[in-house]
Each structure stands twice: as C-alpha cells, then as structure tokens.
C-alpha cells in the first residue's frame, strides 16, 4: 500500500493563536512541511510581525472565534495586501458566524482537533499555485 505524502510548501505563514499548546503544535506541523512560521499570541503581536515582514507573509492562519478576532484581523491585513490568503481555526462549526464572515471573504476553516494532514491540505488548498512573494519581491 502506497503512503500518500502530506502537502508541502515554502511560503511564510503568520499563525495567530492564543492557546500556547495549539500554537506550538500548529507551528511544528507547518514547519515540518517546509513553511516559515511567524507565531503570534494575539492581534498586537500579529500586527508587529506584519509590520516587520509584511511583504513576506503569504497566509494568515488565525482563530475564527476568540479574543484575537480573526475576521477583523484578516480584514485589516487584507486591506494592506489583497494577495494575503486566510485560513481560520475553530473549535465549532458556527454556521451563522461563518455566513457573516463569508460575506466579506472566502472562508476556509480548519476545525480542532486537526491532524497534520488536514492542516497541510487546507493550507495548500488556499495557497494553491501562488508563488512565494519573497522571491518575487526580492527579484523585482
């Protein structure tokens, strides 16, 4: 039986997760798949990372429902960079909140508990064939 490989990448992901265990686990999973991961506990840390390295950030991976306010954070960062992609993490499948969020942006959700395979699949789904902007920006 052939073992299917977990999707890999080389993009930079801004991971915003208030729970330290979940943040460390997701960062480990993504780094193991080749991604550069910038970790933040909250929106303030996320903004700091983005101000320092914004042009390098390809994807925002953030909480859907928490003190982080992932949809608002995504809205502000997408206004600065419309190419930014977003994946939300959630404990629940709150359809009403998803519909409100989807009105502003396409919503891709990773539900807890997640496996490396599920997380990697969702990240690759959103990034698709998008090339790493760092290489594009550095060569421009």
C-alpha atoms as a PDB file:
ATOM      1  CA  UNK A   1       0.000   0.000   0.000  1.00  0.00           C
ATOM      2  CA  UNK A   2       1.405   3.402  -1.011  1.00  0.00           C
ATOM      3  CA  UNK A   3       1.575   6.112   1.627  1.00  0.00           C
ATOM      4  CA  UNK A   4       0.255   9.435   0.362  1.00  0.00           C
ATOM      5  CA  UNK A   5       2.545  12.364   1.106  1.00  0.00           C
ATOM      6  CA  UNK A   6       1.366  15.342   3.123  1.00  0.00           C
ATOM      7  CA  UNK A   7       1.416  18.528   1.008  1.00  0.00           C
ATOM      8  CA  UNK A   8       4.495  20.694   1.493  1.00  0.00           C
ATOM      9  CA  UNK A   9       5.291  24.317   0.798  1.00  0.00           C
ATOM     10  CA  UNK A  10       7.846  27.055   1.293  1.00  0.00           C
ATOM     11  CA  UNK A  11       5.597  30.063   1.926  1.00  0.00           C
ATOM     12  CA  UNK A  12       5.515  32.194   5.066  1.00  0.00           C
ATOM     13  CA  UNK A  13       2.551  31.761   7.408  1.00  0.00           C
ATOM     14  CA  UNK A  14       1.529  34.199  10.146  1.00  0.00           C
ATOM     15  CA  UNK A  15      -0.011  31.954  12.821  1.00  0.00           C
ATOM     16  CA  UNK A  16      -2.172  33.825  15.355  1.00  0.00           C
ATOM     17  CA  UNK A  17      -3.376  31.541  18.139  1.00  0.00           C
ATOM     18  CA  UNK A  18      -3.880  32.483  21.808  1.00  0.00           C
ATOM     19  CA  UNK A  19      -3.549  28.923  23.133  1.00  0.00           C
ATOM     20  CA  UNK A  20       0.188  28.173  23.502  1.00  0.00           C
ATOM     21  CA  UNK A  21      -0.195  24.405  23.044  1.00  0.00           C
ATOM     22  CA  UNK A  22      -2.245  24.729  19.865  1.00  0.00           C
ATOM     23  CA  UNK A  23       0.082  27.438  18.543  1.00  0.00           C
ATOM     24  CA  UNK A  24       3.230  25.365  19.144  1.00  0.00           C
ATOM     25  CA  UNK A  25       1.648  22.226  17.655  1.00  0.00           C
ATOM     26  CA  UNK A  26       0.423  24.017  14.520  1.00  0.00           C
ATOM     27  CA  UNK A  27       3.786  25.804  14.127  1.00  0.00           C
ATOM     28  CA  UNK A  28       5.624  22.482  14.435  1.00  0.00           C
ATOM     29  CA  UNK A  29       3.342  20.781  11.899  1.00  0.00           C
ATOM     30  CA  UNK A  30       3.717  23.595   9.374  1.00  0.00           C
ATOM     31  CA  UNK A  31       7.485  23.966   9.821  1.00  0.00           C
ATOM     32  CA  UNK A  32       7.864  20.201   9.331  1.00  0.00           C
ATOM     33  CA  UNK A  33       6.154  20.651   5.953  1.00  0.00           C
ATOM     34  CA  UNK A  34       8.636  23.353   4.890  1.00  0.00           C
ATOM     35  CA  UNK A  35       6.765  26.544   5.765  1.00  0.00           C
ATOM     36  CA  UNK A  36       8.277  29.508   7.587  1.00  0.00           C
ATOM     37  CA  UNK A  37       6.011  30.191  10.563  1.00  0.00           C
ATOM     38  CA  UNK A  38       5.722  33.510  12.398  1.00  0.00           C
ATOM     39  CA  UNK A  39       3.943  32.909  15.713  1.00  0.00           C
ATOM     40  CA  UNK A  40       1.716  35.427  17.475  1.00  0.00           C
ATOM     41  CA  UNK A  41      -0.462  35.121  20.596  1.00  0.00           C
ATOM     42  CA  UNK A  42      -2.772  37.974  19.691  1.00  0.00           C
ATOM     43  CA  UNK A  43      -3.593  40.657  17.137  1.00  0.00           C
ATOM     44  CA  UNK A  44      -0.991  43.080  18.546  1.00  0.00           C
ATOM     45  CA  UNK A  45       1.817  40.564  18.015  1.00  0.00           C
ATOM     46  CA  UNK A  46       0.421  39.721  14.583  1.00  0.00           C
ATOM     47  CA  UNK A  47       0.499  43.398  13.568  1.00  0.00           C
ATOM     48  CA  UNK A  48       4.086  43.666  14.817  1.00  0.00           C
ATOM     49  CA  UNK A  49       5.156  40.662  12.709  1.00  0.00           C
ATOM     50  CA  UNK A  50       3.264  42.034   9.733  1.00  0.00           C
ATOM     51  CA  UNK A  51       4.852  45.490  10.026  1.00  0.00           C
ATOM     52  CA  UNK A  52       8.304  43.905  10.245  1.00  0.00           C
ATOM     53  CA  UNK A  53       7.842  41.307   7.489  1.00  0.00           C
ATOM     54  CA  UNK A  54       4.521  42.026   5.790  1.00  0.00           C
ATOM     55  CA  UNK A  55       5.633  41.523   2.234  1.00  0.00           C
ATOM     56  CA  UNK A  56       6.875  38.054   3.186  1.00  0.00           C
ATOM     57  CA  UNK A  57       3.563  36.846   4.660  1.00  0.00           C
ATOM     58  CA  UNK A  58       1.640  34.620   2.253  1.00  0.00           C
ATOM     59  CA  UNK A  59      -1.056  33.281   4.561  1.00  0.00           C
ATOM     60  CA  UNK A  60      -2.742  34.281   7.807  1.00  0.00           C
ATOM     61  CA  UNK A  61      -3.770  31.292   9.956  1.00  0.00           C
ATOM     62  CA  UNK A  62      -5.904  32.639  12.790  1.00  0.00           C
ATOM     63  CA  UNK A  63      -8.680  31.894  15.227  1.00  0.00           C
ATOM     64  CA  UNK A  64     -12.193  32.394  13.957  1.00  0.00           C
ATOM     65  CA  UNK A  65     -13.757  32.991  17.368  1.00  0.00           C
ATOM     66  CA  UNK A  66     -11.587  34.230  20.245  1.00  0.00           C
ATOM     67  CA  UNK A  67     -10.111  37.353  21.736  1.00  0.00           C
ATOM     68  CA  UNK A  68      -7.928  37.512  18.615  1.00  0.00           C
ATOM     69  CA  UNK A  69     -10.984  38.412  16.452  1.00  0.00           C
ATOM     70  CA  UNK A  70      -9.578  36.655  13.414  1.00  0.00           C
ATOM     71  CA  UNK A  71     -12.074  38.053  10.869  1.00  0.00           C
ATOM     72  CA  UNK A  72     -11.273  41.653  11.870  1.00  0.00           C
ATOM     73  CA  UNK A  73      -7.523  40.968  11.826  1.00  0.00           C
ATOM     74  CA  UNK A  74      -7.889  39.392   8.371  1.00  0.00           C
ATOM     75  CA  UNK A  75      -9.921  42.362   7.120  1.00  0.00           C
ATOM     76  CA  UNK A  76      -7.255  44.862   8.218  1.00  0.00           C
ATOM     77  CA  UNK A  77      -4.321  42.855   6.822  1.00  0.00           C
ATOM     78  CA  UNK A  78      -6.121  42.063   3.547  1.00  0.00           C
ATOM     79  CA  UNK A  79      -6.728  45.813   3.111  1.00  0.00           C
ATOM     80  CA  UNK A  80      -2.942  46.279   3.258  1.00  0.00           C
ATOM     81  CA  UNK A  81      -2.256  43.281   0.999  1.00  0.00           C
ATOM     82  CA  UNK A  82      -5.131  41.911  -1.121  1.00  0.00           C
ATOM     83  CA  UNK A  83      -2.946  38.919  -2.094  1.00  0.00           C
ATOM     84  CA  UNK A  84      -2.879  37.681   1.522  1.00  0.00           C
ATOM     85  CA  UNK A  85      -4.676  34.355   1.968  1.00  0.00           C
ATOM     86  CA  UNK A  86      -6.549  33.389   5.160  1.00  0.00           C
ATOM     87  CA  UNK A  87      -7.384  30.115   6.919  1.00  0.00           C
ATOM     88  CA  UNK A  88      -9.367  30.094  10.168  1.00  0.00           C
ATOM     89  CA  UNK A  89      -9.057  27.685  13.106  1.00  0.00           C
ATOM     90  CA  UNK A  90     -12.166  26.938  15.160  1.00  0.00           C
ATOM     91  CA  UNK A  91     -13.475  24.565  17.809  1.00  0.00           C
ATOM     92  CA  UNK A  92     -17.008  24.735  16.462  1.00  0.00           C
ATOM     93  CA  UNK A  93     -18.914  24.802  13.243  1.00  0.00           C
ATOM     94  CA  UNK A  94     -20.805  28.049  13.880  1.00  0.00           C
ATOM     95  CA  UNK A  95     -22.758  28.461  10.641  1.00  0.00           C
ATOM     96  CA  UNK A  96     -24.142  31.925  11.467  1.00  0.00           C
ATOM     97  CA  UNK A  97     -20.682  33.362  12.175  1.00  0.00           C
ATOM     98  CA  UNK A  98     -19.328  31.610   9.080  1.00  0.00           C
ATOM     99  CA  UNK A  99     -22.023  33.240   6.924  1.00  0.00           C
ATOM    100  CA  UNK A 100     -21.267  36.709   8.326  1.00  0.00           C
ATOM    101  CA  UNK A 101     -17.539  36.203   7.799  1.00  0.00           C
ATOM    102  CA  UNK A 102     -18.071  34.719   4.333  1.00  0.00           C
ATOM    103  CA  UNK A 103     -19.929  37.845   3.279  1.00  0.00           C
ATOM    104  CA  UNK A 104     -16.604  39.682   3.481  1.00  0.00           C
ATOM    105  CA  UNK A 105     -14.168  36.993   2.458  1.00  0.00           C
ATOM    106  CA  UNK A 106     -13.932  33.400   1.309  1.00  0.00           C
ATOM    107  CA  UNK A 107     -13.809  31.294   4.451  1.00  0.00           C
ATOM    108  CA  UNK A 108     -11.617  28.214   4.777  1.00  0.00           C
ATOM    109  CA  UNK A 109     -11.909  26.558   8.162  1.00  0.00           C
ATOM    110  CA  UNK A 110      -9.731  24.025  10.000  1.00  0.00           C
ATOM    111  CA  UNK A 111     -11.653  22.506  12.895  1.00  0.00           C
ATOM    112  CA  UNK A 112      -9.975  21.352  16.078  1.00  0.00           C
ATOM    113  CA  UNK A 113      -8.699  18.833  16.727  1.00  0.00           C
ATOM    114  CA  UNK A 114      -6.779  18.789  13.467  1.00  0.00           C
ATOM    115  CA  UNK A 115      -4.173  16.455  12.077  1.00  0.00           C
ATOM    116  CA  UNK A 116      -1.044  17.424  10.193  1.00  0.00           C
ATOM    117  CA  UNK A 117      -2.679  16.115   7.033  1.00  0.00           C
ATOM    118  CA  UNK A 118      -5.836  18.216   7.470  1.00  0.00           C
ATOM    119  CA  UNK A 119      -3.888  21.385   8.278  1.00  0.00           C
ATOM    120  CA  UNK A 120      -1.450  20.874   5.393  1.00  0.00           C
ATOM    121  CA  UNK A 121      -4.301  20.137   2.961  1.00  0.00           C
ATOM    122  CA  UNK A 122      -6.218  23.308   3.918  1.00  0.00           C
ATOM    123  CA  UNK A 123      -3.097  25.490   3.724  1.00  0.00           C
ATOM    124  CA  UNK A 124      -2.160  24.090   0.304  1.00  0.00           C
ATOM    125  CA  UNK A 125      -5.779  24.436  -0.869  1.00  0.00           C
ATOM    126  CA  UNK A 126      -5.715  28.152  -0.087  1.00  0.00           C
ATOM    127  CA  UNK A 127      -2.190  28.841  -1.324  1.00  0.00           C
ATOM    128  CA  UNK A 128      -2.686  26.734  -4.439  1.00  0.00           C
ATOM    129  CA  UNK A 129      -0.188  27.660  -7.125  1.00  0.00           C
ATOM    130  CA  UNK A 130       0.602  31.019  -5.551  1.00  0.00           C
ATOM    131  CA  UNK A 131       4.324  31.636  -5.778  1.00  0.00           C
ATOM    132  CA  UNK A 132       6.269  32.750  -2.789  1.00  0.00           C
ATOM    133  CA  UNK A 133       6.164  36.552  -2.847  1.00  0.00           C
ATOM    134  CA  UNK A 134       9.505  36.886  -1.099  1.00  0.00           C
ATOM    135  CA  UNK A 135      11.245  35.528  -4.199  1.00  0.00           C
ATOM    136  CA  UNK A 136       9.132  37.731  -6.453  1.00  0.00           C
ATOM    137  CA  UNK A 137       9.747  40.834  -4.328  1.00  0.00           C
ATOM    138  CA  UNK A 138      13.479  40.119  -3.991  1.00  0.00           C
ATOM    139  CA  UNK A 139      13.816  39.722  -7.748  1.00  0.00           C
ATOM    140  CA  UNK A 140      11.771  42.804  -8.569  1.00  0.00           C
END
